[in-house]
Amino acid sequence: MFILALLLLWLPIAAPIYLIGSDPNSVTILTMGLMFGVFLYLVRVWGRKVYRQPGLLKKYGLRLTAQNALELIRGLGLGLLMTLSMFGLQGWLGWVAFQTPALPWSRLIVEGLISALAIGFAEELVFRGWLLDELQRDYSFNTSQWIGAIAFALLHFLKPIPEMIRGLPRFPSLLLLGLILIWAKGSTQGRLGLSIGLHAGLVWGYYIIDVGQLVVYSGKVAPWITGINRDPTAGIMGLLFLGLVAWLMKRNHNSD
């Protein structure tokens, strides 16, 4: 019902934009931004009218506290460190070579950070906030985390069929990332700061590398090691580094 209500509110606004828009990227950014705005409005209404919980966003883990902010910064640093360390190790092994960035460093860093925080905030509020909460109302935590992680992976994996087949190795990494972000939330008593920061840090690091065109692959090893189509989530290296993050988050989650 929530998704149906979201679509009924969003489609009348988004449809004209799709029809008159000429730049696909701008149209996508604008319509997805509008969808998230409608989502935030609907969550507040849904909490009051359906669940009788006016503070639903706080229940999701979106709390304006110093602790949550510090956890966001810690996650941001960890995600950035893991991404840059993965490429640094590949450079040391001779699998990639670093080159002068295609854009000024200041632009790469600032634009990357803004984009990463926006993506991390929106996706964590939806997947580790709303979706996980909805699932836990009907299922156990273990079942909810797996359904949530699979949904996260599938929605990031859905593309034209030829691209899905070519990018099939991405799915295990996306599934693992979905679990990691749930464990990150669980390790901080349900706050979203750490998962938002971690998600954003991983995106930020890859943005700097990819948009800045900082690396050139040497071809010394097969793409399934470094990442098929230059996507680190579709390679053994990406999966190994995500495995390390998973171990850290799962250990902290179990200790709480």
Foldseek 3Di string as FASTA:
>chain_A
DLVVVLCVVQVVVLVVLVVPPDDVVVSVVVSVVSSLVSNVVSQQVCCCPPVVHNPLLVLLQADPDPVLQVLLQVLLVVLQCLLVVLVVVCVVVVQKPFDFFPDDPVCLQVVLLVVLLVVLVSVCCVLSGVQLVVVVVPDPNVVSLQVSLQVQLVVVLDDPPVSSVQQVLLSVLSSLLSNLLNLQCLLVVNHNSNSSNNRSNNSSNVSSCVNRVTIDGPPPDDCQACHRVNDNSNHVSSSVSSVVSSVVSNVSNVVD
